Amino acid sequence: MNRQCLLVCRPEGIAQAKNFEIVEAPHQKLGEGEIRVRNHFLSVEPAMRGWIADKGNYAEPVAIGSVMRALTAGMVTETRHPGYAVGDAVTGWFGWQEEAVAPASAVVRKIAETDLPLSLSLGLLGINGVTAHLALTGIGNPQPDETLLVSTAAGAVGSAVGQIGKLLGCRTVGIAGGPDKVKLCLERFGYDAAIDYKAGDLRAALARTCPEDIDIYFDNTAGAISDAVLAHLALRARVVVCGTAAIDRWDPWPEGPRVERHLLVKRARMEGFVIFDHMDRYEASVAQLAEWVRTGQLAYEEDILSGIEACPDALAGLYRGENKGKRIIRL
């Protein structure tokens, strides 16, 4: 039998374990043009919260009663497609399940970096690292000696953004929650400075840490953290909107301080980034990231849970701030 994690009801706010159910399903027969993939690793993404909402997102909602949408990494164990052979390592949209039968269109890429851990294809060499790389370089346009501020700086995307910014000559400042994550930012990911947003007056901490203001803000949170940051933008700053972790629901639509005056006075630019708009550059980005990993210029942390049983609470735990680095489920 193939064990699967299904979405059984829509969450109110952050998804909890009760919104999912683990079931056993019979193995499917392979159709023409399909491949069978044995999943080794399942990804847990902050964006999943939006994928299971009933409105207000950029992707079609996951249907109730279906396998939870997720990127996975695994091995082809059977094939009826000429482009794939048994033993190929692949990553794709195979969902929270032990085994998937899928068309080739579900594959994101065939993994060529066999000298590096397979799990990296879901993190630093996957959607998180590629997002960090393309969003920072494409929208942030980092220049030497500029100040780059990153929220959720110890997370899967944020930790990559800080390191890539450093490689490109920026002074990097991270915002993270708690002393352990601040320490991780400084000692593991090489940030020049890090701020614990839970420690007190964030605006005062930003003023101390970014005395010449912020040239690039890589925003993974929105909410109160971003409200504080916008007051410290430098002239012609760039704001990359990559995530809205502080917003737990879209109905009613959240209200807060208005950004227009900050953008006008500072002649700043704010732009959203969704990786699905940039898949034509995915392969080239992975190649660059892999080279930085091989040369020791990019570090990573993985928060690995064990077994399909970990799926139902994995997303809630992510939003509780339990993870350090990329959260992955190993089967």
Protein backbone atom coordinates (compact mmCIF):
# COMPACT_ATOMS: atom_id res chain seq x y z
CA MET A 1 0.00 0.00 0.00
CA ASN A 2 1.03 3.60 -0.61
CA ARG A 3 0.67 5.86 2.42
CA GLN A 4 -0.52 9.38 1.61
CA CYS A 5 -1.28 12.56 3.54
CA LEU A 6 -4.57 14.10 2.39
CA LEU A 7 -6.05 17.54 2.97
CA VAL A 8 -9.42 16.80 4.61
CA CYS A 9 -10.70 20.29 5.50
CA ARG A 10 -9.78 23.94 4.99
CA PRO A 11 -7.89 25.59 7.84
CA GLU A 12 -8.86 28.80 9.57
CA GLY A 13 -5.55 30.65 9.60
CA ILE A 14 -2.51 28.39 9.92
CA ALA A 15 -3.12 24.75 9.01
CA GLN A 16 -3.08 22.32 11.93
CA ALA A 17 -2.73 18.55 12.14
CA LYS A 18 -6.54 18.18 12.19
CA ASN A 19 -6.69 19.50 8.62
CA PHE A 20 -4.83 16.43 7.32
CA GLU A 21 -5.25 12.66 7.42
CA ILE A 22 -2.88 9.81 6.61
CA VAL A 23 -4.44 7.03 4.55
CA GLU A 24 -3.33 3.92 2.72
CA ALA A 25 -4.06 3.61 -0.99
CA PRO A 26 -3.36 0.75 -3.40
CA HIS A 27 -0.46 1.09 -5.79
CA GLN A 28 -1.44 2.51 -9.18
CA LYS A 29 -0.66 0.92 -12.50
CA LEU A 30 1.61 2.88 -14.78
CA GLY A 31 0.06 4.46 -17.87
CA GLU A 32 1.73 5.36 -21.13
CA GLY A 33 4.07 8.34 -20.69
CA GLU A 34 4.10 8.06 -16.89
CA ILE A 35 6.81 7.36 -14.32
CA ARG A 36 6.73 5.85 -10.85
CA VAL A 37 8.73 7.75 -8.25
CA ARG A 38 9.67 6.51 -4.80
CA ASN A 39 9.82 9.64 -2.69
CA HIS A 40 12.81 9.92 -0.35
CA PHE A 41 12.19 13.48 0.86
CA LEU A 42 9.06 15.66 1.11
CA SER A 43 9.26 19.43 1.24
CA VAL A 44 7.48 21.69 3.73
CA GLU A 45 6.97 25.24 2.43
CA PRO A 46 5.55 28.36 4.08
CA ALA A 47 3.67 28.89 0.81
CA MET A 48 1.61 25.76 1.48
CA ARG A 49 -0.61 27.85 3.72
CA GLY A 50 -1.77 29.74 0.66
CA TRP A 51 -2.10 26.63 -1.48
CA ILE A 52 -4.74 25.19 0.87
CA ALA A 53 -6.66 28.43 1.36
CA ASP A 54 -9.93 28.73 -0.56
CA LYS A 55 -9.06 32.12 -2.07
CA GLY A 56 -6.55 34.93 -2.25
CA ASN A 57 -3.56 33.01 -3.67
CA TYR A 58 -1.63 32.71 -6.92
CA ALA A 59 -2.23 28.94 -7.30
CA GLU A 60 -5.33 26.78 -7.61
CA PRO A 61 -6.33 25.58 -4.12
CA VAL A 62 -5.52 21.99 -3.20
CA ALA A 63 -8.79 20.04 -3.47
CA ILE A 64 -10.32 18.61 -0.30
CA GLY A 65 -9.67 14.87 -0.15
CA SER A 66 -6.60 14.99 -2.38
CA VAL A 67 -2.92 14.36 -1.65
CA MET A 68 -1.30 17.49 -0.24
CA ARG A 69 0.53 19.37 -2.97
CA ALA A 70 4.27 19.33 -2.34
CA LEU A 71 7.62 19.16 -4.02
CA THR A 72 9.46 15.93 -3.39
CA ALA A 73 12.79 14.34 -4.27
CA GLY A 74 13.07 10.68 -5.12
CA MET A 75 14.09 7.96 -7.55
CA VAL A 76 12.36 6.63 -10.64
CA THR A 77 11.51 2.96 -9.97
CA GLU A 78 9.44 2.26 -13.10
CA THR A 79 9.00 4.15 -16.33
CA ARG A 80 6.90 4.27 -19.47
CA HIS A 81 8.44 7.54 -20.66
CA PRO A 82 11.46 7.62 -23.00
CA GLY A 83 13.02 10.58 -21.18
CA TYR A 84 13.36 8.80 -17.84
CA ALA A 85 15.17 5.65 -16.79
CA VAL A 86 14.95 3.54 -13.65
CA GLY A 87 17.37 5.00 -11.13
CA ASP A 88 17.04 8.61 -12.27
CA ALA A 89 16.91 11.09 -9.38
CA VAL A 90 14.12 13.62 -9.86
CA THR A 91 12.34 16.39 -8.06
CA GLY A 92 8.78 17.32 -8.86
CA TRP A 93 5.21 17.91 -7.80
CA PHE A 94 4.59 14.40 -6.44
CA GLY A 95 2.86 15.33 -3.18
CA TRP A 96 2.96 14.16 0.41
CA GLN A 97 3.00 10.43 -0.25
CA GLU A 98 5.47 7.59 -0.24
CA GLU A 99 5.14 6.82 -3.93
CA ALA A 100 3.78 8.73 -6.92
CA VAL A 101 2.66 7.77 -10.40
CA ALA A 102 2.75 10.89 -12.52
CA PRO A 103 3.22 12.28 -16.03
CA ALA A 104 6.55 13.80 -16.97
CA SER A 105 4.96 17.24 -16.70
CA ALA A 106 5.01 16.84 -12.90
CA VAL A 107 8.81 16.70 -12.91
CA VAL A 108 10.56 19.98 -12.13
CA ARG A 109 13.98 18.67 -13.10
CA LYS A 110 16.14 15.60 -13.35
CA ILE A 111 18.79 15.99 -10.66
CA ALA A 112 22.28 16.21 -12.10
CA GLU A 113 24.13 17.10 -8.88
CA THR A 114 24.61 13.51 -7.74
CA ASP A 115 27.73 14.50 -5.81
CA LEU A 116 25.60 16.58 -3.43
CA PRO A 117 22.89 15.40 -0.98
CA LEU A 118 19.55 14.61 -2.64
CA SER A 119 17.71 16.62 0.02
CA LEU A 120 19.34 19.83 -1.25
CA SER A 121 17.13 19.65 -4.34
CA LEU A 122 14.23 20.70 -2.10
CA GLY A 123 16.09 23.52 -0.35
CA LEU A 124 19.22 25.37 -1.36
CA LEU A 125 19.30 23.70 -4.80
CA GLY A 126 15.53 23.83 -5.14
CA ILE A 127 12.65 26.25 -4.95
CA ASN A 128 14.04 28.05 -1.87
CA GLY A 129 17.55 28.68 -3.12
CA VAL A 130 16.39 29.56 -6.63
CA THR A 131 13.83 31.99 -5.21
CA ALA A 132 16.51 33.63 -3.07
CA HIS A 133 18.93 33.91 -5.99
CA LEU A 134 16.56 35.13 -8.70
CA ALA A 135 14.50 37.45 -6.49
CA LEU A 136 17.54 39.10 -4.95
CA THR A 137 19.43 39.59 -8.18
CA GLY A 138 16.44 40.34 -10.39
CA ILE A 139 14.51 42.74 -8.14
CA GLY A 140 16.97 43.68 -5.40
CA ASN A 141 19.81 44.40 -7.86
CA PRO A 142 22.44 44.33 -5.09
CA GLN A 143 25.48 46.57 -5.42
CA PRO A 144 28.76 46.47 -3.45
CA ASP A 145 28.62 48.15 -0.03
CA GLU A 146 24.82 48.42 -0.01
CA THR A 147 22.91 47.35 3.10
CA LEU A 148 20.73 44.29 2.59
CA LEU A 149 18.15 43.49 5.30
CA VAL A 150 16.48 40.07 5.32
CA SER A 151 13.51 38.94 7.43
CA THR A 152 13.21 35.29 8.52
CA ALA A 153 16.95 35.39 7.99
CA ALA A 154 17.63 31.90 9.37
CA GLY A 155 14.98 30.22 7.22
CA ALA A 156 15.41 28.30 3.98
CA VAL A 157 15.04 31.34 1.70
CA GLY A 158 16.38 34.01 4.05
CA SER A 159 19.62 32.19 4.87
CA ALA A 160 20.36 31.85 1.15
CA VAL A 161 19.53 35.51 0.47
CA GLY A 162 21.93 36.72 3.14
CA GLN A 163 24.79 34.59 1.87
CA ILE A 164 24.24 35.45 -1.80
CA GLY A 165 24.06 39.15 -0.88
CA LYS A 166 27.36 38.79 0.96
CA LEU A 167 28.95 37.13 -2.08
CA LEU A 168 27.81 40.10 -4.16
CA GLY A 169 29.44 42.60 -1.81
CA CYS A 170 26.55 43.75 0.40
CA ARG A 171 26.59 44.44 4.11
CA THR A 172 24.03 41.94 5.36
CA VAL A 173 21.65 42.28 8.32
CA GLY A 174 19.22 39.56 9.34
CA ILE A 175 16.00 39.64 11.36
CA ALA A 176 15.19 36.41 13.19
CA GLY A 177 13.17 35.22 16.18
CA GLY A 178 15.12 34.31 19.31
CA PRO A 179 18.80 34.24 20.34
CA ASP A 180 19.47 30.81 18.84
CA LYS A 181 18.41 31.91 15.37
CA VAL A 182 20.32 35.18 15.71
CA LYS A 183 23.42 33.15 16.58
CA LEU A 184 22.81 30.93 13.55
CA CYS A 185 22.61 33.99 11.31
CA LEU A 186 25.93 35.30 12.55
CA GLU A 187 27.94 32.11 12.94
CA ARG A 188 26.57 29.85 10.21
CA PHE A 189 25.24 32.17 7.52
CA GLY A 190 27.79 34.96 7.87
CA TYR A 191 25.51 37.94 8.43
CA ASP A 192 27.34 41.10 9.46
CA ALA A 193 24.65 41.79 12.05
CA ALA A 194 21.41 40.20 13.23
CA ILE A 195 18.37 41.46 15.13
CA ASP A 196 16.07 39.46 17.41
CA TYR A 197 12.65 40.90 16.67
CA LYS A 198 11.31 39.31 19.86
CA ALA A 199 13.80 41.15 22.07
CA GLY A 200 12.21 44.59 22.24
CA ASP A 201 12.02 47.81 20.22
CA LEU A 202 12.58 46.72 16.61
CA ARG A 203 12.62 50.29 15.26
CA ALA A 204 15.38 51.26 17.69
CA ALA A 205 17.35 48.12 16.82
CA LEU A 206 17.05 48.91 13.11
CA ALA A 207 18.29 52.46 13.70
CA ARG A 208 21.33 51.13 15.58
CA THR A 209 22.11 48.35 13.14
CA CYS A 210 21.38 50.20 9.89
CA PRO A 211 22.52 53.78 10.62
CA GLU A 212 22.78 54.60 6.90
CA ASP A 213 19.36 53.07 6.22
CA ILE A 214 18.44 50.04 4.10
CA ASP A 215 19.11 49.77 0.38
CA ILE A 216 17.46 46.38 -0.14
CA TYR A 217 14.79 44.80 2.05
CA PHE A 218 14.05 41.15 1.31
CA ASP A 219 10.64 40.72 2.91
CA ASN A 220 9.48 37.25 3.92
CA THR A 221 7.02 38.35 6.61
CA ALA A 222 4.97 41.49 5.92
CA GLY A 223 3.08 42.63 9.04
CA ALA A 224 4.60 44.55 11.95
CA ILE A 225 8.21 43.73 11.06
CA SER A 226 7.86 45.24 7.61
CA ASP A 227 5.97 48.24 8.97
CA ALA A 228 9.03 49.00 11.12
CA VAL A 229 11.50 48.43 8.29
CA LEU A 230 9.84 50.74 5.78
CA ALA A 231 10.59 53.77 7.95
CA HIS A 232 14.32 53.05 7.50
CA LEU A 233 14.50 52.72 3.72
CA ALA A 234 17.35 54.52 1.95
CA LEU A 235 16.88 56.70 -1.11
CA ARG A 236 15.97 54.52 -4.12
CA ALA A 237 15.67 51.40 -2.00
CA ARG A 238 14.29 48.15 -3.42
CA VAL A 239 11.81 46.02 -1.49
CA VAL A 240 11.47 42.38 -2.58
CA VAL A 241 8.16 40.92 -1.39
CA CYS A 242 8.71 37.17 -1.23
CA GLY A 243 6.46 36.05 1.63
CA THR A 244 3.77 37.21 4.04
CA ALA A 245 4.32 34.89 6.99
CA ALA A 246 2.83 37.36 9.49
CA ILE A 247 -0.55 37.36 7.72
CA ASP A 248 -2.48 34.25 8.75
CA ARG A 249 -5.69 34.82 6.79
CA TRP A 250 -7.12 36.81 3.88
CA ASP A 251 -10.69 37.22 5.05
CA PRO A 252 -11.06 39.84 6.30
CA TRP A 253 -8.24 41.41 4.31
CA PRO A 254 -5.51 42.63 6.71
CA GLU A 255 -5.12 46.36 7.25
CA GLY A 256 -2.14 48.28 8.58
CA PRO A 257 0.15 51.23 7.95
CA ARG A 258 0.17 52.45 4.36
CA VAL A 259 3.36 52.10 2.33
CA GLU A 260 2.81 54.77 -0.31
CA ARG A 261 4.39 57.68 1.53
CA HIS A 262 7.55 55.70 2.29
CA LEU A 263 7.87 54.66 -1.35
CA LEU A 264 7.24 58.17 -2.64
CA VAL A 265 9.56 60.08 -0.33
CA LYS A 266 12.40 57.57 -0.74
CA ARG A 267 11.67 57.00 -4.45
CA ALA A 268 11.73 53.32 -3.54
CA ARG A 269 10.44 50.33 -5.49
CA MET A 270 8.44 47.39 -4.11
CA GLU A 271 7.84 44.27 -6.20
CA GLY A 272 6.50 40.79 -5.51
CA PHE A 273 8.26 37.60 -6.58
CA VAL A 274 6.70 34.20 -7.30
CA ILE A 275 9.06 31.50 -8.56
CA PHE A 276 6.53 30.06 -11.02
CA ASP A 277 6.99 33.17 -13.19
CA HIS A 278 10.70 32.43 -13.63
CA MET A 279 10.98 28.71 -14.38
CA ASP A 280 12.91 29.42 -17.60
CA ARG A 281 15.86 30.51 -15.40
CA TYR A 282 15.58 27.69 -12.85
CA GLU A 283 18.24 25.36 -14.28
CA ALA A 284 20.88 28.08 -14.65
CA SER A 285 20.23 29.25 -11.12
CA VAL A 286 20.64 25.73 -9.70
CA ALA A 287 23.96 25.38 -11.55
CA GLN A 288 25.28 28.57 -9.95
CA LEU A 289 24.04 27.64 -6.49
CA ALA A 290 25.57 24.16 -6.75
CA GLU A 291 28.93 25.62 -7.66
CA TRP A 292 28.81 27.92 -4.62
CA VAL A 293 27.97 24.92 -2.42
CA ARG A 294 30.87 22.89 -3.84
CA THR A 295 33.33 25.71 -3.22
CA GLY A 296 32.14 26.19 0.36
CA GLN A 297 30.69 29.65 -0.30
CA LEU A 298 27.11 28.67 0.58
CA ALA A 299 26.23 26.96 3.87
CA TYR A 300 22.88 25.37 4.68
CA GLU A 301 20.90 23.91 7.55
CA GLU A 302 18.22 21.24 7.26
CA ASP A 303 15.46 20.58 9.79
CA ILE A 304 14.60 16.96 9.03
CA LEU A 305 11.50 15.20 10.36
CA SER A 306 11.04 11.45 10.01
CA GLY A 307 8.27 9.52 8.33
CA ILE A 308 4.95 10.26 6.65
CA GLU A 309 3.47 10.53 10.16
CA ALA A 310 5.25 13.87 10.55
CA CYS A 311 3.29 15.48 7.70
CA PRO A 312 0.08 16.65 9.43
CA ASP A 313 1.82 18.90 11.98
CA ALA A 314 4.81 19.88 9.83
CA LEU A 315 3.36 23.11 8.46
CA ALA A 316 2.03 24.28 11.82
CA GLY A 317 5.45 23.64 13.33
CA LEU A 318 7.04 25.74 10.63
CA TYR A 319 4.85 28.69 11.61
CA ARG A 320 5.60 28.06 15.28
CA GLY A 321 9.19 28.80 14.38
CA GLU A 322 10.51 25.35 15.26
CA ASN A 323 12.73 24.93 12.22
CA LYS A 324 16.26 26.16 11.70
CA GLY A 325 16.89 26.19 7.97
CA LYS A 326 14.92 24.12 5.49
CA ARG A 327 12.21 21.82 6.88
CA ILE A 328 12.11 18.44 5.13
CA ILE A 329 10.39 15.12 5.86
CA ARG A 330 12.54 12.05 5.23
CA LEU A 331 10.74 8.83 4.34
